[in-house]
Amino acid sequence: MDDWLSLAKQLPLGQSVRVQCCNKNTTCILSSDIQGYRKHCFRCNDTQFKPRGQLSAKEALQRKRDLMCRIRADGCLSLPEDYTVDIPEHAASWFLKYGISSTSAVYHDIGYSPKLDRIVLPVYEGADLVAMQMRAVSSGQQPKYLNPNGPKTSEALFYTGKRLDDGIKPIVVTEDILSAIKISLAGTPAASIMGTTCTDGKAFKIAQKAEQVIVWLDGDQAGRSGARKAVRKLSLYTDDIRVIHTEKDPKEYNRDEIREILKDHE
């Protein structure tokens, strides 16, 4: 299929389509995401990628609006109606102080709701919004997190690479989304379980995709207890599990420190 790229460019962001490639069956998937355009044929294994280039804030916002219409039609979660990627300074300071840039925030779909005065952390599976956290950013706001529930929320995982490819080794399991992003910026894929509870479903998803799992939850008592329980869940599906305990949360270390900590647990 010589014209796959032109077809992929016609797709809305976050959507895919099955087409013919090397035979008459639709064994080939074309997709369009924030990184670029992809082609993969499951029959001949032809895989191609064309980078899109960085999206502007306006383009990223339009992507969210397009997805929101589809999500509402599916009866699942939807983003706040005033969701925007134009994040004010007082709110952006929450992730900037951990060394996560505005560019990384856009890539990971981080936005803001002016009405709620909260950072919005969406979690997608493909083009479907399956979970969402809304983090307080102003003094006195309670609770710290709002966590709307949807049909797939209980088993949702936040992947730093948008998706997990088979055979990734290793993958670091974190408690919160920012910690996962920070570890990925240091060069290692990560997945957030969005709390201290690793369910059977989450453990199975992680173990199926990762050849080695490193559990690195927060350093408080809840994080250590959650890590022990996560190991028990993961051990049902994989033998290669390692655990990291640190005094601070992963996101509080700089990239060099994260690399050294991970190196010590190779």
Protein backbone atom coordinates (compact mmCIF):
# COMPACT_ATOMS: atom_id res chain seq x y z
CA MET A 1 0.00 0.00 0.00
CA ASP A 2 1.91 2.99 -1.30
CA ASP A 3 -0.64 5.63 -0.29
CA TRP A 4 -0.98 4.58 3.37
CA LEU A 5 0.35 7.91 4.63
CA SER A 6 -2.19 9.99 2.75
CA LEU A 7 -4.97 7.79 4.15
CA ALA A 8 -3.59 8.01 7.68
CA LYS A 9 -3.42 11.81 7.46
CA GLN A 10 -7.17 11.89 6.85
CA LEU A 11 -7.86 10.22 10.20
CA PRO A 12 -8.88 12.37 13.18
CA LEU A 13 -6.31 12.42 15.97
CA GLY A 14 -6.54 9.37 18.21
CA GLN A 15 -8.39 7.19 15.70
CA SER A 16 -7.44 4.18 13.58
CA VAL A 17 -8.84 2.21 10.66
CA ARG A 18 -8.35 -1.28 9.22
CA VAL A 19 -7.44 -1.48 5.53
CA GLN A 20 -6.10 -3.96 3.00
CA CYS A 21 -2.36 -4.33 2.60
CA CYS A 22 -0.86 -7.53 1.19
CA ASN A 23 -4.09 -9.46 0.63
CA LYS A 24 -7.81 -8.87 0.37
CA ASN A 25 -8.38 -9.02 4.11
CA THR A 26 -8.22 -5.92 6.31
CA THR A 27 -5.19 -7.08 8.26
CA CYS A 28 -3.51 -3.66 8.26
CA ILE A 29 -4.12 -0.90 10.81
CA LEU A 30 -3.51 2.77 10.07
CA SER A 31 -3.58 5.18 12.99
CA SER A 32 -3.10 8.84 13.77
CA ASP A 33 -1.87 9.93 17.19
CA ILE A 34 -0.14 12.90 18.79
CA GLN A 35 3.28 11.58 17.72
CA GLY A 36 2.50 10.87 14.09
CA TYR A 37 1.05 8.38 11.61
CA ARG A 38 1.48 4.62 11.86
CA LYS A 39 0.99 1.57 9.68
CA HIS A 40 1.15 -2.04 10.82
CA CYS A 41 0.13 -5.13 8.86
CA PHE A 42 -0.40 -8.24 10.98
CA ARG A 43 0.07 -10.51 7.94
CA CYS A 44 3.29 -9.27 6.34
CA ASN A 45 4.50 -7.44 9.48
CA ASP A 46 5.17 -4.24 7.54
CA THR A 47 5.46 -1.44 10.11
CA GLN A 48 6.00 2.20 9.22
CA PHE A 49 5.90 5.50 11.10
CA LYS A 50 5.88 9.11 9.98
CA PRO A 51 6.31 11.75 12.71
CA ARG A 52 3.74 14.50 12.86
CA GLY A 53 5.82 17.08 14.67
CA GLN A 54 4.81 18.92 17.82
CA LEU A 55 1.15 19.90 18.09
CA SER A 56 0.29 23.46 18.89
CA ALA A 57 -1.83 24.09 21.96
CA LYS A 58 -4.76 24.88 19.64
CA GLU A 59 -4.38 21.59 17.76
CA ALA A 60 -4.11 19.65 21.02
CA LEU A 61 -7.27 21.29 22.32
CA GLN A 62 -9.15 20.45 19.12
CA ARG A 63 -8.05 16.84 19.54
CA LYS A 64 -9.61 16.77 22.98
CA ARG A 65 -12.86 18.24 21.67
CA ASP A 66 -13.04 15.65 18.90
CA LEU A 67 -12.42 12.83 21.36
CA MET A 68 -14.89 14.25 23.86
CA CYS A 69 -17.73 14.07 21.32
CA ARG A 70 -16.96 10.44 20.63
CA ILE A 71 -16.64 9.56 24.30
CA ARG A 72 -19.98 11.11 25.15
CA ALA A 73 -21.62 9.14 22.34
CA ASP A 74 -20.13 5.95 23.82
CA GLY A 75 -21.59 6.77 27.23
CA CYS A 76 -18.19 6.76 28.95
CA LEU A 77 -16.21 9.41 30.78
CA SER A 78 -15.93 12.90 29.35
CA LEU A 79 -13.51 15.71 30.02
CA PRO A 80 -14.74 18.85 31.80
CA GLU A 81 -16.51 21.12 29.32
CA ASP A 82 -14.00 23.91 30.01
CA TYR A 83 -10.96 21.63 29.64
CA THR A 84 -8.05 23.52 28.11
CA VAL A 85 -4.36 22.98 27.52
CA ASP A 86 -3.81 26.68 28.22
CA ILE A 87 -2.73 26.10 31.83
CA PRO A 88 -2.26 29.21 34.02
CA GLU A 89 1.03 29.70 35.81
CA HIS A 90 -0.26 28.97 39.31
CA ALA A 91 -1.57 25.57 38.15
CA ALA A 92 1.34 24.67 35.86
CA SER A 93 3.76 25.25 38.72
CA TRP A 94 2.55 21.96 40.22
CA PHE A 95 4.19 19.86 37.50
CA LEU A 96 6.92 22.33 36.51
CA LYS A 97 8.48 22.08 39.98
CA TYR A 98 9.10 18.37 39.32
CA GLY A 99 10.96 19.06 36.09
CA ILE A 100 8.06 18.23 33.79
CA SER A 101 7.90 20.81 31.02
CA SER A 102 4.84 22.29 29.35
CA THR A 103 5.78 20.36 26.20
CA SER A 104 5.73 17.09 28.14
CA ALA A 105 2.42 18.12 29.69
CA VAL A 106 0.84 18.59 26.25
CA TYR A 107 2.24 15.25 25.06
CA HIS A 108 0.70 13.49 28.05
CA ASP A 109 -2.67 15.26 27.63
CA ILE A 110 -2.38 17.25 30.86
CA GLY A 111 -4.90 20.09 30.91
CA TYR A 112 -6.78 22.45 33.20
CA SER A 113 -10.37 23.21 34.22
CA PRO A 114 -10.84 26.92 35.12
CA LYS A 115 -14.21 26.24 36.75
CA LEU A 116 -12.79 23.56 39.03
CA ASP A 117 -9.36 25.21 39.28
CA ARG A 118 -7.76 21.81 38.92
CA ILE A 119 -5.16 20.15 36.72
CA VAL A 120 -6.80 17.45 34.60
CA LEU A 121 -4.89 14.19 34.06
CA PRO A 122 -6.73 12.09 31.44
CA VAL A 123 -5.97 8.40 30.92
CA TYR A 124 -6.70 6.87 27.53
CA GLU A 125 -6.86 3.40 26.07
CA GLY A 126 -6.54 4.12 22.37
CA ALA A 127 -9.00 6.95 21.77
CA ASP A 128 -11.20 6.09 24.77
CA LEU A 129 -11.04 8.09 27.98
CA VAL A 130 -11.03 5.36 30.64
CA ALA A 131 -9.95 7.28 33.74
CA MET A 132 -9.27 10.81 34.88
CA GLN A 133 -7.73 12.51 37.86
CA MET A 134 -8.29 16.17 38.68
CA ARG A 135 -5.65 17.56 41.03
CA ALA A 136 -6.17 20.57 43.30
CA VAL A 137 -3.59 23.31 42.73
CA SER A 138 -4.71 26.15 45.00
CA SER A 139 -4.33 26.51 48.75
CA GLY A 140 -7.16 25.06 50.80
CA GLN A 141 -8.69 22.94 48.03
CA GLN A 142 -10.05 19.63 49.25
CA PRO A 143 -9.90 16.84 48.40
CA LYS A 144 -6.50 16.81 46.76
CA TYR A 145 -7.72 14.54 43.94
CA LEU A 146 -11.08 14.04 42.26
CA ASN A 147 -11.33 10.66 40.55
CA PRO A 148 -14.48 10.27 38.41
CA ASN A 149 -15.43 6.66 37.75
CA GLY A 150 -16.20 5.14 34.38
CA PRO A 151 -16.87 1.60 33.11
CA LYS A 152 -13.14 0.84 32.72
CA THR A 153 -11.65 3.02 35.45
CA SER A 154 -10.95 0.27 37.98
CA GLU A 155 -8.56 -1.52 35.61
CA ALA A 156 -7.06 1.57 33.93
CA LEU A 157 -3.31 2.20 33.73
CA PHE A 158 -1.50 5.35 32.67
CA TYR A 159 1.27 4.44 30.19
CA THR A 160 3.97 6.98 29.52
CA GLY A 161 4.38 5.81 25.93
CA LYS A 162 0.63 5.97 25.21
CA ARG A 163 0.72 2.19 24.79
CA LEU A 164 2.91 -0.72 25.81
CA ASP A 165 4.64 -2.72 23.11
CA ASP A 166 5.20 -6.41 23.70
CA GLY A 167 8.53 -7.28 25.25
CA ILE A 168 9.37 -3.93 26.84
CA LYS A 169 12.08 -4.48 29.43
CA PRO A 170 11.86 -3.14 32.03
CA ILE A 171 8.81 -1.15 32.96
CA VAL A 172 8.59 0.78 36.22
CA VAL A 173 5.29 0.71 38.10
CA THR A 174 4.56 3.92 40.00
CA GLU A 175 1.85 5.18 42.30
CA ASP A 176 1.11 8.51 40.63
CA ILE A 177 1.06 9.80 37.08
CA LEU A 178 3.71 12.50 37.50
CA SER A 179 6.18 9.94 38.88
CA ALA A 180 5.61 7.76 35.83
CA ILE A 181 6.21 10.72 33.51
CA LYS A 182 9.36 11.74 35.41
CA ILE A 183 10.82 8.21 35.15
CA SER A 184 10.05 8.09 31.43
CA LEU A 185 11.90 11.39 30.96
CA ALA A 186 14.92 9.66 32.51
CA GLY A 187 14.71 7.04 29.76
CA THR A 188 12.72 4.11 31.18
CA PRO A 189 9.08 3.32 30.31
CA ALA A 190 6.68 3.53 33.24
CA ALA A 191 3.07 2.85 34.15
CA SER A 192 1.07 4.43 36.94
CA ILE A 193 -1.51 2.36 38.82
CA MET A 194 -2.99 5.67 40.05
CA GLY A 195 -2.95 4.84 43.72
CA THR A 196 -1.56 2.14 45.96
CA THR A 197 -3.84 -0.66 44.75
CA CYS A 198 -2.66 -2.93 41.95
CA THR A 199 -5.64 -5.05 40.96
CA ASP A 200 -5.43 -8.46 39.28
CA GLY A 201 -6.41 -6.81 36.02
CA LYS A 202 -3.69 -4.17 36.23
CA ALA A 203 -1.09 -6.76 37.24
CA PHE A 204 -2.03 -8.95 34.29
CA LYS A 205 -1.82 -6.06 31.82
CA ILE A 206 1.62 -5.06 33.07
CA ALA A 207 3.05 -8.59 33.20
CA GLN A 208 1.77 -9.43 29.73
CA LYS A 209 3.68 -6.52 28.24
CA ALA A 210 6.84 -6.25 30.32
CA GLU A 211 9.65 -8.79 30.53
CA GLN A 212 10.77 -7.21 33.80
CA VAL A 213 8.72 -5.21 36.32
CA ILE A 214 10.17 -2.73 38.80
CA VAL A 215 7.74 -1.61 41.50
CA TRP A 216 8.59 1.88 42.77
CA LEU A 217 5.75 3.39 44.74
CA ASP A 218 5.92 6.37 47.09
CA GLY A 219 8.13 6.21 50.15
CA ASP A 220 5.41 6.58 52.80
CA GLN A 221 3.81 3.75 54.74
CA ALA A 222 0.88 3.46 52.32
CA GLY A 223 3.28 3.23 49.39
CA ARG A 224 5.38 0.50 51.01
CA SER A 225 2.29 -1.50 51.92
CA GLY A 226 0.94 -1.05 48.39
CA ALA A 227 4.27 -2.21 46.93
CA ARG A 228 4.14 -5.46 48.93
CA LYS A 229 0.61 -6.14 47.74
CA ALA A 230 1.50 -5.24 44.15
CA VAL A 231 4.36 -7.73 44.19
CA ARG A 232 1.99 -10.46 45.36
CA LYS A 233 -0.39 -9.67 42.50
CA LEU A 234 2.33 -9.43 39.88
CA SER A 235 4.03 -12.64 41.04
CA LEU A 236 0.99 -14.57 39.81
CA TYR A 237 1.91 -13.61 36.25
CA THR A 238 5.67 -13.01 36.17
CA ASP A 239 8.81 -14.03 38.05
CA ASP A 240 11.00 -11.05 37.17
CA ILE A 241 9.91 -8.45 39.73
CA ARG A 242 12.10 -5.98 41.59
CA VAL A 243 11.17 -3.43 44.22
CA ILE A 244 12.61 0.00 44.92
CA HIS A 245 12.07 1.80 48.22
CA THR A 246 13.15 5.42 48.52
CA GLU A 247 12.45 8.10 51.08
CA LYS A 248 10.97 10.44 48.49
CA ASP A 249 8.46 9.92 45.70
CA PRO A 250 10.05 9.09 42.31
CA LYS A 251 9.00 12.46 40.85
CA GLU A 252 11.04 14.29 43.49
CA TYR A 253 14.36 12.96 42.15
CA ASN A 254 16.11 14.50 39.16
CA ARG A 255 16.71 12.47 36.02
CA ASP A 256 20.32 11.55 36.84
CA GLU A 257 19.29 10.39 40.29
CA ILE A 258 16.51 8.27 38.81
CA ARG A 259 18.95 6.64 36.38
CA GLU A 260 21.34 5.84 39.24
CA ILE A 261 18.58 4.40 41.40
CA LEU A 262 17.36 2.19 38.56
CA LYS A 263 20.93 1.15 37.72
CA ASP A 264 21.45 0.00 41.32
CA HIS A 265 18.48 -2.34 40.91
CA GLU A 266 19.48 -3.93 37.60
